[in-house]
mmCIF file of all heavy atoms, coordinates in Angstrom:
data_MODEL
# 
_entry.id   MODEL 
# 
loop_
_atom_site.group_PDB 
_atom_site.id 
_atom_site.type_symbol 
_atom_site.label_atom_id 
_atom_site.label_alt_id 
_atom_site.label_comp_id 
_atom_site.label_asym_id 
_atom_site.label_entity_id 
_atom_site.label_seq_id 
_atom_site.pdbx_PDB_ins_code 
_atom_site.Cartn_x 
_atom_site.Cartn_y 
_atom_site.Cartn_z 
_atom_site.occupancy 
_atom_site.B_iso_or_equiv 
_atom_site.pdbx_formal_charge 
_atom_site.auth_seq_id 
_atom_site.auth_comp_id 
_atom_site.auth_asym_id 
_atom_site.auth_atom_id 
_atom_site.pdbx_PDB_model_num 
ATOM 1   N N   . VAL A 1 1  ? -170.114 -24.552 -68.750 1.00 0.00 ? 1  VAL A N   1 
ATOM 2   C CA  . VAL A 1 1  ? -171.480 -24.933 -69.118 1.00 0.00 ? 1  VAL A CA  1 
ATOM 3   C C   . VAL A 1 1  ? -172.464 -23.854 -68.696 1.00 0.00 ? 1  VAL A C   1 
ATOM 4   O O   . VAL A 1 1  ? -173.380 -23.499 -69.441 1.00 0.00 ? 1  VAL A O   1 
ATOM 5   C CB  . VAL A 1 1  ? -171.863 -26.298 -68.486 1.00 0.00 ? 1  VAL A CB  1 
ATOM 6   C CG1 . VAL A 1 1  ? -173.354 -26.550 -68.591 1.00 0.00 ? 1  VAL A CG1 1 
ATOM 7   C CG2 . VAL A 1 1  ? -171.108 -27.420 -69.162 1.00 0.00 ? 1  VAL A CG2 1 
ATOM 8   N N   . ILE A 1 2  ? -172.253 -23.293 -67.515 1.00 0.00 ? 2  ILE A N   1 
ATOM 9   C CA  . ILE A 1 2  ? -173.219 -22.308 -67.021 1.00 0.00 ? 2  ILE A CA  1 
ATOM 10  C C   . ILE A 1 2  ? -172.856 -20.879 -67.398 1.00 0.00 ? 2  ILE A C   1 
ATOM 11  O O   . ILE A 1 2  ? -173.676 -19.981 -67.248 1.00 0.00 ? 2  ILE A O   1 
ATOM 12  C CB  . ILE A 1 2  ? -173.402 -22.431 -65.494 1.00 0.00 ? 2  ILE A CB  1 
ATOM 13  C CG1 . ILE A 1 2  ? -172.077 -22.218 -64.778 1.00 0.00 ? 2  ILE A CG1 1 
ATOM 14  C CG2 . ILE A 1 2  ? -173.989 -23.759 -65.133 1.00 0.00 ? 2  ILE A CG2 1 
ATOM 15  C CD1 . ILE A 1 2  ? -172.209 -22.157 -63.287 1.00 0.00 ? 2  ILE A CD1 1 
ATOM 16  N N   . THR A 1 3  ? -171.636 -20.638 -67.896 1.00 0.00 ? 3  THR A N   1 
ATOM 17  C CA  . THR A 1 3  ? -171.263 -19.273 -68.263 1.00 0.00 ? 3  THR A CA  1 
ATOM 18  C C   . THR A 1 3  ? -171.200 -19.052 -69.769 1.00 0.00 ? 3  THR A C   1 
ATOM 19  O O   . THR A 1 3  ? -171.081 -17.903 -70.195 1.00 0.00 ? 3  THR A O   1 
ATOM 20  C CB  . THR A 1 3  ? -169.905 -18.898 -67.654 1.00 0.00 ? 3  THR A CB  1 
ATOM 21  O OG1 . THR A 1 3  ? -168.905 -19.817 -68.108 1.00 0.00 ? 3  THR A OG1 1 
ATOM 22  C CG2 . THR A 1 3  ? -169.969 -18.900 -66.141 1.00 0.00 ? 3  THR A CG2 1 
ATOM 23  N N   . ALA A 1 4  ? -171.275 -20.108 -70.561 1.00 0.00 ? 4  ALA A N   1 
ATOM 24  C CA  . ALA A 1 4  ? -171.198 -19.945 -72.020 1.00 0.00 ? 4  ALA A CA  1 
ATOM 25  C C   . ALA A 1 4  ? -172.455 -19.252 -72.525 1.00 0.00 ? 4  ALA A C   1 
ATOM 26  O O   . ALA A 1 4  ? -173.571 -19.555 -72.101 1.00 0.00 ? 4  ALA A O   1 
ATOM 27  C CB  . ALA A 1 4  ? -171.025 -21.301 -72.696 1.00 0.00 ? 4  ALA A CB  1 
ATOM 28  N N   . ARG A 1 5  ? -172.282 -18.307 -73.438 1.00 0.00 ? 5  ARG A N   1 
ATOM 29  C CA  . ARG A 1 5  ? -173.425 -17.566 -73.979 1.00 0.00 ? 5  ARG A CA  1 
ATOM 30  C C   . ARG A 1 5  ? -174.160 -18.362 -75.053 1.00 0.00 ? 5  ARG A C   1 
ATOM 31  O O   . ARG A 1 5  ? -175.366 -18.245 -75.198 1.00 0.00 ? 5  ARG A O   1 
ATOM 32  C CB  . ARG A 1 5  ? -172.957 -16.240 -74.565 1.00 0.00 ? 5  ARG A CB  1 
ATOM 33  C CG  . ARG A 1 5  ? -172.445 -15.292 -73.524 1.00 0.00 ? 5  ARG A CG  1 
ATOM 34  C CD  . ARG A 1 5  ? -172.103 -13.950 -74.158 1.00 0.00 ? 5  ARG A CD  1 
ATOM 35  N NE  . ARG A 1 5  ? -171.601 -13.013 -73.175 1.00 0.00 ? 5  ARG A NE  1 
ATOM 36  C CZ  . ARG A 1 5  ? -172.366 -12.201 -72.481 1.00 0.00 ? 5  ARG A CZ  1 
ATOM 37  N NH1 . ARG A 1 5  ? -173.663 -12.215 -72.655 1.00 0.00 ? 5  ARG A NH1 1 
ATOM 38  N NH2 . ARG A 1 5  ? -171.840 -11.377 -71.607 1.00 0.00 ? 5  ARG A NH2 1 
ATOM 39  N N   . ASN A 1 6  ? -173.439 -19.159 -75.793 1.00 0.00 ? 6  ASN A N   1 
ATOM 40  C CA  . ASN A 1 6  ? -174.040 -19.952 -76.856 1.00 0.00 ? 6  ASN A CA  1 
ATOM 41  C C   . ASN A 1 6  ? -174.493 -21.300 -76.290 1.00 0.00 ? 6  ASN A C   1 
ATOM 42  O O   . ASN A 1 6  ? -173.700 -22.008 -75.676 1.00 0.00 ? 6  ASN A O   1 
ATOM 43  C CB  . ASN A 1 6  ? -172.995 -20.166 -77.965 1.00 0.00 ? 6  ASN A CB  1 
ATOM 44  C CG  . ASN A 1 6  ? -173.593 -20.773 -79.199 1.00 0.00 ? 6  ASN A CG  1 
ATOM 45  O OD1 . ASN A 1 6  ? -174.637 -21.398 -79.154 1.00 0.00 ? 6  ASN A OD1 1 
ATOM 46  N ND2 . ASN A 1 6  ? -172.916 -20.582 -80.313 1.00 0.00 ? 6  ASN A ND2 1 
ATOM 47  N N   . PRO A 1 7  ? -175.764 -21.702 -76.481 1.00 0.00 ? 7  PRO A N   1 
ATOM 48  C CA  . PRO A 1 7  ? -176.235 -22.977 -75.931 1.00 0.00 ? 7  PRO A CA  1 
ATOM 49  C C   . PRO A 1 7  ? -175.526 -24.190 -76.524 1.00 0.00 ? 7  PRO A C   1 
ATOM 50  O O   . PRO A 1 7  ? -175.359 -25.195 -75.849 1.00 0.00 ? 7  PRO A O   1 
ATOM 51  C CB  . PRO A 1 7  ? -177.725 -23.003 -76.257 1.00 0.00 ? 7  PRO A CB  1 
ATOM 52  C CG  . PRO A 1 7  ? -178.070 -21.708 -76.847 1.00 0.00 ? 7  PRO A CG  1 
ATOM 53  C CD  . PRO A 1 7  ? -176.842 -20.938 -77.103 1.00 0.00 ? 7  PRO A CD  1 
ATOM 54  N N   . VAL A 1 8  ? -175.115 -24.112 -77.788 1.00 0.00 ? 8  VAL A N   1 
ATOM 55  C CA  . VAL A 1 8  ? -174.388 -25.235 -78.397 1.00 0.00 ? 8  VAL A CA  1 
ATOM 56  C C   . VAL A 1 8  ? -173.030 -25.391 -77.723 1.00 0.00 ? 8  VAL A C   1 
ATOM 57  O O   . VAL A 1 8  ? -172.598 -26.513 -77.423 1.00 0.00 ? 8  VAL A O   1 
ATOM 58  C CB  . VAL A 1 8  ? -174.247 -25.029 -79.924 1.00 0.00 ? 8  VAL A CB  1 
ATOM 59  C CG1 . VAL A 1 8  ? -173.421 -26.123 -80.539 1.00 0.00 ? 8  VAL A CG1 1 
ATOM 60  C CG2 . VAL A 1 8  ? -175.615 -24.960 -80.578 1.00 0.00 ? 8  VAL A CG2 1 
ATOM 61  N N   . HIS A 1 9  ? -172.357 -24.278 -77.450 1.00 0.00 ? 9  HIS A N   1 
ATOM 62  C CA  . HIS A 1 9  ? -171.075 -24.351 -76.752 1.00 0.00 ? 9  HIS A CA  1 
ATOM 63  C C   . HIS A 1 9  ? -171.262 -24.913 -75.343 1.00 0.00 ? 9  HIS A C   1 
ATOM 64  O O   . HIS A 1 9  ? -170.447 -25.704 -74.872 1.00 0.00 ? 9  HIS A O   1 
ATOM 65  C CB  . HIS A 1 9  ? -170.421 -22.981 -76.681 1.00 0.00 ? 9  HIS A CB  1 
ATOM 66  C CG  . HIS A 1 9  ? -170.006 -22.459 -78.016 1.00 0.00 ? 9  HIS A CG  1 
ATOM 67  N ND1 . HIS A 1 9  ? -169.677 -21.139 -78.226 1.00 0.00 ? 9  HIS A ND1 1 
ATOM 68  C CD2 . HIS A 1 9  ? -169.866 -23.071 -79.219 1.00 0.00 ? 9  HIS A CD2 1 
ATOM 69  C CE1 . HIS A 1 9  ? -169.360 -20.973 -79.491 1.00 0.00 ? 9  HIS A CE1 1 
ATOM 70  N NE2 . HIS A 1 9  ? -169.474 -22.124 -80.111 1.00 0.00 ? 9  HIS A NE2 1 
ATOM 71  N N   . ALA A 1 10 ? -172.339 -24.512 -74.678 1.00 0.00 ? 10 ALA A N   1 
ATOM 72  C CA  . ALA A 1 10 ? -172.610 -25.037 -73.342 1.00 0.00 ? 10 ALA A CA  1 
ATOM 73  C C   . ALA A 1 10 ? -172.830 -26.548 -73.377 1.00 0.00 ? 10 ALA A C   1 
ATOM 74  O O   . ALA A 1 10 ? -172.338 -27.271 -72.508 1.00 0.00 ? 10 ALA A O   1 
ATOM 75  C CB  . ALA A 1 10 ? -173.831 -24.338 -72.743 1.00 0.00 ? 10 ALA A CB  1 
ATOM 76  N N   . ALA A 1 11 ? -173.544 -27.026 -74.397 1.00 0.00 ? 11 ALA A N   1 
ATOM 77  C CA  . ALA A 1 11 ? -173.759 -28.469 -74.517 1.00 0.00 ? 11 ALA A CA  1 
ATOM 78  C C   . ALA A 1 11 ? -172.445 -29.201 -74.790 1.00 0.00 ? 11 ALA A C   1 
ATOM 79  O O   . ALA A 1 11 ? -172.214 -30.295 -74.257 1.00 0.00 ? 11 ALA A O   1 
ATOM 80  C CB  . ALA A 1 11 ? -174.777 -28.756 -75.627 1.00 0.00 ? 11 ALA A CB  1 
ATOM 81  N N   . LEU A 1 12 ? -171.580 -28.601 -75.586 1.00 0.00 ? 12 LEU A N   1 
ATOM 82  C CA  . LEU A 1 12 ? -170.292 -29.243 -75.852 1.00 0.00 ? 12 LEU A CA  1 
ATOM 83  C C   . LEU A 1 12 ? -169.403 -29.246 -74.608 1.00 0.00 ? 12 LEU A C   1 
ATOM 84  O O   . LEU A 1 12 ? -168.673 -30.217 -74.363 1.00 0.00 ? 12 LEU A O   1 
ATOM 85  C CB  . LEU A 1 12 ? -169.600 -28.544 -77.018 1.00 0.00 ? 12 LEU A CB  1 
ATOM 86  C CG  . LEU A 1 12 ? -170.299 -28.725 -78.364 1.00 0.00 ? 12 LEU A CG  1 
ATOM 87  C CD1 . LEU A 1 12 ? -169.602 -27.907 -79.434 1.00 0.00 ? 12 LEU A CD1 1 
ATOM 88  C CD2 . LEU A 1 12 ? -170.352 -30.178 -78.763 1.00 0.00 ? 12 LEU A CD2 1 
ATOM 89  N N   . TYR A 1 13 ? -169.467 -28.202 -73.816 1.00 0.00 ? 13 TYR A N   1 
ATOM 90  C CA  . TYR A 1 13 ? -168.733 -28.208 -72.550 1.00 0.00 ? 13 TYR A CA  1 
ATOM 91  C C   . TYR A 1 13 ? -169.297 -29.272 -71.610 1.00 0.00 ? 13 TYR A C   1 
ATOM 92  O O   . TYR A 1 13 ? -168.564 -29.878 -70.828 1.00 0.00 ? 13 TYR A O   1 
ATOM 93  C CB  . TYR A 1 13 ? -168.776 -26.835 -71.886 1.00 0.00 ? 13 TYR A CB  1 
ATOM 94  C CG  . TYR A 1 13 ? -167.763 -25.881 -72.437 1.00 0.00 ? 13 TYR A CG  1 
ATOM 95  C CD1 . TYR A 1 13 ? -168.166 -24.711 -73.078 1.00 0.00 ? 13 TYR A CD1 1 
ATOM 96  C CD2 . TYR A 1 13 ? -166.406 -26.123 -72.336 1.00 0.00 ? 13 TYR A CD2 1 
ATOM 97  C CE1 . TYR A 1 13 ? -167.240 -23.822 -73.592 1.00 0.00 ? 13 TYR A CE1 1 
ATOM 98  C CE2 . TYR A 1 13 ? -165.479 -25.237 -72.842 1.00 0.00 ? 13 TYR A CE2 1 
ATOM 99  C CZ  . TYR A 1 13 ? -165.900 -24.097 -73.465 1.00 0.00 ? 13 TYR A CZ  1 
ATOM 100 O OH  . TYR A 1 13 ? -164.974 -23.226 -73.973 1.00 0.00 ? 13 TYR A OH  1 
ATOM 101 N N   . LEU A 1 14 ? -170.590 -29.505 -71.683 1.00 0.00 ? 14 LEU A N   1 
ATOM 102 C CA  . LEU A 1 14 ? -171.185 -30.553 -70.863 1.00 0.00 ? 14 LEU A CA  1 
ATOM 103 C C   . LEU A 1 14 ? -170.688 -31.934 -71.291 1.00 0.00 ? 14 LEU A C   1 
ATOM 104 O O   . LEU A 1 14 ? -170.476 -32.814 -70.456 1.00 0.00 ? 14 LEU A O   1 
ATOM 105 C CB  . LEU A 1 14 ? -172.709 -30.473 -70.934 1.00 0.00 ? 14 LEU A CB  1 
ATOM 106 C CG  . LEU A 1 14 ? -173.492 -31.329 -69.956 1.00 0.00 ? 14 LEU A CG  1 
ATOM 107 C CD1 . LEU A 1 14 ? -173.093 -31.035 -68.518 1.00 0.00 ? 14 LEU A CD1 1 
ATOM 108 C CD2 . LEU A 1 14 ? -174.981 -31.105 -70.132 1.00 0.00 ? 14 LEU A CD2 1 
ATOM 109 N N   . VAL A 1 15 ? -170.489 -32.122 -72.597 1.00 0.00 ? 15 VAL A N   1 
ATOM 110 C CA  . VAL A 1 15 ? -169.890 -33.377 -73.082 1.00 0.00 ? 15 VAL A CA  1 
ATOM 111 C C   . VAL A 1 15 ? -168.492 -33.548 -72.496 1.00 0.00 ? 15 VAL A C   1 
ATOM 112 O O   . VAL A 1 15 ? -168.116 -34.640 -72.044 1.00 0.00 ? 15 VAL A O   1 
ATOM 113 C CB  . VAL A 1 15 ? -169.859 -33.397 -74.628 1.00 0.00 ? 15 VAL A CB  1 
ATOM 114 C CG1 . VAL A 1 15 ? -169.017 -34.546 -75.139 1.00 0.00 ? 15 VAL A CG1 1 
ATOM 115 C CG2 . VAL A 1 15 ? -171.264 -33.478 -75.192 1.00 0.00 ? 15 VAL A CG2 1 
ATOM 116 N N   . LEU A 1 16 ? -167.706 -32.471 -72.493 1.00 0.00 ? 16 LEU A N   1 
ATOM 117 C CA  . LEU A 1 16 ? -166.363 -32.535 -71.895 1.00 0.00 ? 16 LEU A CA  1 
ATOM 118 C C   . LEU A 1 16 ? -166.445 -32.866 -70.413 1.00 0.00 ? 16 LEU A C   1 
ATOM 119 O O   . LEU A 1 16 ? -165.644 -33.664 -69.898 1.00 0.00 ? 16 LEU A O   1 
ATOM 120 C CB  . LEU A 1 16 ? -165.642 -31.205 -72.103 1.00 0.00 ? 16 LEU A CB  1 
ATOM 121 C CG  . LEU A 1 16 ? -164.259 -31.077 -71.461 1.00 0.00 ? 16 LEU A CG  1 
ATOM 122 C CD1 . LEU A 1 16 ? -163.295 -32.101 -72.039 1.00 0.00 ? 16 LEU A CD1 1 
ATOM 123 C CD2 . LEU A 1 16 ? -163.728 -29.671 -71.628 1.00 0.00 ? 16 LEU A CD2 1 
ATOM 124 N N   . ALA A 1 17 ? -167.416 -32.293 -69.717 1.00 0.00 ? 17 ALA A N   1 
ATOM 125 C CA  . ALA A 1 17 ? -167.581 -32.600 -68.296 1.00 0.00 ? 17 ALA A CA  1 
ATOM 126 C C   . ALA A 1 17 ? -167.938 -34.067 -68.087 1.00 0.00 ? 17 ALA A C   1 
ATOM 127 O O   . ALA A 1 17 ? -167.419 -34.715 -67.160 1.00 0.00 ? 17 ALA A O   1 
ATOM 128 C CB  . ALA A 1 17 ? -168.664 -31.699 -67.696 1.00 0.00 ? 17 ALA A CB  1 
ATOM 129 N N   . PHE A 1 18 ? -168.791 -34.611 -68.950 1.00 0.00 ? 18 PHE A N   1 
ATOM 130 C CA  . PHE A 1 18 ? -169.132 -36.031 -68.834 1.00 0.00 ? 18 PHE A CA  1 
ATOM 131 C C   . PHE A 1 18 ? -167.918 -36.920 -69.076 1.00 0.00 ? 18 PHE A C   1 
ATOM 132 O O   . PHE A 1 18 ? -167.722 -37.921 -68.384 1.00 0.00 ? 18 PHE A O   1 
ATOM 133 C CB  . PHE A 1 18 ? -170.256 -36.401 -69.810 1.00 0.00 ? 18 PHE A CB  1 
ATOM 134 C CG  . PHE A 1 18 ? -171.614 -35.919 -69.384 1.00 0.00 ? 18 PHE A CG  1 
ATOM 135 C CD1 . PHE A 1 18 ? -172.558 -35.587 -70.340 1.00 0.00 ? 18 PHE A CD1 1 
ATOM 136 C CD2 . PHE A 1 18 ? -171.946 -35.803 -68.055 1.00 0.00 ? 18 PHE A CD2 1 
ATOM 137 C CE1 . PHE A 1 18 ? -173.813 -35.148 -69.958 1.00 0.00 ? 18 PHE A CE1 1 
ATOM 138 C CE2 . PHE A 1 18 ? -173.201 -35.369 -67.656 1.00 0.00 ? 18 PHE A CE2 1 
ATOM 139 C CZ  . PHE A 1 18 ? -174.133 -35.043 -68.618 1.00 0.00 ? 18 PHE A CZ  1 
ATOM 140 N N   . PHE A 1 19 ? -167.115 -36.578 -70.075 1.00 0.00 ? 19 PHE A N   1 
ATOM 141 C CA  . PHE A 1 19 ? -165.912 -37.373 -70.334 1.00 0.00 ? 19 PHE A CA  1 
ATOM 142 C C   . PHE A 1 19 ? -164.939 -37.295 -69.166 1.00 0.00 ? 19 PHE A C   1 
ATOM 143 O O   . PHE A 1 19 ? -164.320 -38.294 -68.796 1.00 0.00 ? 19 PHE A O   1 
ATOM 144 C CB  . PHE A 1 19 ? -165.226 -36.913 -71.626 1.00 0.00 ? 19 PHE A CB  1 
ATOM 145 C CG  . PHE A 1 19 ? -165.719 -37.618 -72.845 1.00 0.00 ? 19 PHE A CG  1 
ATOM 146 C CD1 . PHE A 1 19 ? -166.470 -36.954 -73.785 1.00 0.00 ? 19 PHE A CD1 1 
ATOM 147 C CD2 . PHE A 1 19 ? -165.429 -38.952 -73.056 1.00 0.00 ? 19 PHE A CD2 1 
ATOM 148 C CE1 . PHE A 1 19 ? -166.925 -37.590 -74.908 1.00 0.00 ? 19 PHE A CE1 1 
ATOM 149 C CE2 . PHE A 1 19 ? -165.890 -39.615 -74.176 1.00 0.00 ? 19 PHE A CE2 1 
ATOM 150 C CZ  . PHE A 1 19 ? -166.638 -38.937 -75.104 1.00 0.00 ? 19 PHE A CZ  1 
ATOM 151 N N   . SER A 1 20 ? -164.792 -36.132 -68.574 1.00 0.00 ? 20 SER A N   1 
ATOM 152 C CA  . SER A 1 20 ? -163.897 -35.999 -67.420 1.00 0.00 ? 20 SER A CA  1 
ATOM 153 C C   . SER A 1 20 ? -164.417 -36.809 -66.233 1.00 0.00 ? 20 SER A C   1 
ATOM 154 O O   . SER A 1 20 ? -163.637 -37.446 -65.523 1.00 0.00 ? 20 SER A O   1 
ATOM 155 C CB  . SER A 1 20 ? -163.755 -34.532 -67.027 1.00 0.00 ? 20 SER A CB  1 
ATOM 156 O OG  . SER A 1 20 ? -163.249 -33.794 -68.108 1.00 0.00 ? 20 SER A OG  1 
ATOM 157 N N   . ALA A 1 21 ? -165.731 -36.777 -66.019 1.00 0.00 ? 21 ALA A N   1 
ATOM 158 C CA  . ALA A 1 21 ? -166.308 -37.577 -64.938 1.00 0.00 ? 21 ALA A CA  1 
ATOM 159 C C   . ALA A 1 21 ? -166.121 -39.072 -65.203 1.00 0.00 ? 21 ALA A C   1 
ATOM 160 O O   . ALA A 1 21 ? -165.840 -39.850 -64.279 1.00 0.00 ? 21 ALA A O   1 
ATOM 161 C CB  . ALA A 1 21 ? -167.789 -37.252 -64.778 1.00 0.00 ? 21 ALA A CB  1 
ATOM 162 N N   . ALA A 1 22 ? -166.239 -39.479 -66.475 1.00 0.00 ? 22 ALA A N   1 
ATOM 163 C CA  . ALA A 1 22 ? -166.001 -40.885 -66.809 1.00 0.00 ? 22 ALA A CA  1 
ATOM 164 C C   . ALA A 1 22 ? -164.548 -41.267 -66.551 1.00 0.00 ? 22 ALA A C   1 
ATOM 165 O O   . ALA A 1 22 ? -164.262 -42.382 -66.084 1.00 0.00 ? 22 ALA A O   1 
ATOM 166 C CB  . ALA A 1 22 ? -166.369 -41.146 -68.273 1.00 0.00 ? 22 ALA A CB  1 
ATOM 167 N N   . ALA A 1 23 ? -163.623 -40.360 -66.824 1.00 0.00 ? 23 ALA A N   1 
ATOM 168 C CA  . ALA A 1 23 ? -162.211 -40.642 -66.537 1.00 0.00 ? 23 ALA A CA  1 
ATOM 169 C C   . ALA A 1 23 ? -161.983 -40.792 -65.032 1.00 0.00 ? 23 ALA A C   1 
ATOM 170 O O   . ALA A 1 23 ? -161.211 -41.660 -64.595 1.00 0.00 ? 23 ALA A O   1 
ATOM 171 C CB  . ALA A 1 23 ? -161.339 -39.529 -67.102 1.00 0.00 ? 23 ALA A CB  1 
ATOM 172 N N   . ILE A 1 24 ? -162.662 -39.990 -64.243 1.00 0.00 ? 24 ILE A N   1 
ATOM 173 C CA  . ILE A 1 24 ? -162.536 -40.132 -62.786 1.00 0.00 ? 24 ILE A CA  1 
ATOM 174 C C   . ILE A 1 24 ? -163.126 -41.462 -62.324 1.00 0.00 ? 24 ILE A C   1 
ATOM 175 O O   . ILE A 1 24 ? -162.557 -42.139 -61.459 1.00 0.00 ? 24 ILE A O   1 
ATOM 176 C CB  . ILE A 1 24 ? -163.210 -38.937 -62.079 1.00 0.00 ? 24 ILE A CB  1 
ATOM 177 C CG1 . ILE A 1 24 ? -162.398 -37.671 -62.352 1.00 0.00 ? 24 ILE A CG1 1 
ATOM 178 C CG2 . ILE A 1 24 ? -163.330 -39.177 -60.580 1.00 0.00 ? 24 ILE A CG2 1 
ATOM 179 C CD1 . ILE A 1 24 ? -163.037 -36.403 -61.849 1.00 0.00 ? 24 ILE A CD1 1 
ATOM 180 N N   . TRP A 1 25 ? -164.234 -41.889 -62.915 1.00 0.00 ? 25 TRP A N   1 
ATOM 181 C CA  . TRP A 1 25 ? -164.786 -43.206 -62.586 1.00 0.00 ? 25 TRP A CA  1 
ATOM 182 C C   . TRP A 1 25 ? -163.786 -44.302 -62.941 1.00 0.00 ? 25 TRP A C   1 
ATOM 183 O O   . TRP A 1 25 ? -163.663 -45.286 -62.202 1.00 0.00 ? 25 TRP A O   1 
ATOM 184 C CB  . TRP A 1 25 ? -166.102 -43.446 -63.331 1.00 0.00 ? 25 TRP A CB  1 
ATOM 185 C CG  . TRP A 1 25 ? -167.302 -42.809 -62.721 1.00 0.00 ? 25 TRP A CG  1 
ATOM 186 C CD1 . TRP A 1 25 ? -168.071 -41.826 -63.258 1.00 0.00 ? 25 TRP A CD1 1 
ATOM 187 C CD2 . TRP A 1 25 ? -167.888 -43.107 -61.459 1.00 0.00 ? 25 TRP A CD2 1 
ATOM 188 N NE1 . TRP A 1 25 ? -169.081 -41.487 -62.412 1.00 0.00 ? 25 TRP A NE1 1 
ATOM 189 C CE2 . TRP A 1 25 ? -169.001 -42.268 -61.289 1.00 0.00 ? 25 TRP A CE2 1 
ATOM 190 C CE3 . TRP A 1 25 ? -167.575 -44.003 -60.438 1.00 0.00 ? 25 TRP A CE3 1 
ATOM 191 C CZ2 . TRP A 1 25 ? -169.803 -42.299 -60.167 1.00 0.00 ? 25 TRP A CZ2 1 
ATOM 192 C CZ3 . TRP A 1 25 ? -168.378 -44.032 -59.314 1.00 0.00 ? 25 TRP A CZ3 1 
ATOM 193 C CH2 . TRP A 1 25 ? -169.468 -43.196 -59.190 1.00 0.00 ? 25 TRP A CH2 1 
ATOM 194 N N   . LEU A 1 26 ? -163.109 -44.142 -64.070 1.00 0.00 ? 26 LEU A N   1 
ATOM 195 C CA  . LEU A 1 26 ? -162.103 -45.145 -64.439 1.00 0.00 ? 26 LEU A CA  1 
ATOM 196 C C   . LEU A 1 26 ? -160.962 -45.179 -63.429 1.00 0.00 ? 26 LEU A C   1 
ATOM 197 O O   . LEU A 1 26 ? -160.450 -46.256 -63.092 1.00 0.00 ? 26 LEU A O   1 
ATOM 198 C CB  . LEU A 1 26 ? -161.553 -44.856 -65.834 1.00 0.00 ? 26 LEU A CB  1 
ATOM 199 C CG  . LEU A 1 26 ? -162.447 -45.237 -66.997 1.00 0.00 ? 26 LEU A CG  1 
ATOM 200 C CD1 . LEU A 1 26 ? -161.842 -44.768 -68.304 1.00 0.00 ? 26 LEU A CD1 1 
ATOM 201 C CD2 . LEU A 1 26 ? -162.670 -46.738 -67.032 1.00 0.00 ? 26 LEU A CD2 1 
ATOM 202 N N   . LEU A 1 27 ? -160.546 -44.015 -62.952 1.00 0.00 ? 27 LEU A N   1 
ATOM 203 C CA  . LEU A 1 27 ? -159.492 -43.985 -61.943 1.00 0.00 ? 27 LEU A CA  1 
ATOM 204 C C   . LEU A 1 27 ? -159.934 -44.653 -60.642 1.00 0.00 ? 27 LEU A C   1 
ATOM 205 O O   . LEU A 1 27 ? -159.109 -45.202 -59.911 1.00 0.00 ? 27 LEU A O   1 
ATOM 206 C CB  . LEU A 1 27 ? -159.071 -42.543 -61.660 1.00 0.00 ? 27 LEU A CB  1 
ATOM 207 C CG  . LEU A 1 27 ? -158.293 -41.837 -62.767 1.00 0.00 ? 27 LEU A CG  1 
ATOM 208 C CD1 . LEU A 1 27 ? -158.053 -40.387 -62.389 1.00 0.00 ? 27 LEU A CD1 1 
ATOM 209 C CD2 . LEU A 1 27 ? -156.981 -42.545 -63.026 1.00 0.00 ? 27 LEU A CD2 1 
# 
């Protein structure tokens, strides 16, 4: 998220981070 040059790619990586955090909450 912080190293991606394209802002759209950074936002999509942030979506992946949110999904991973949600999976940890489920665990």
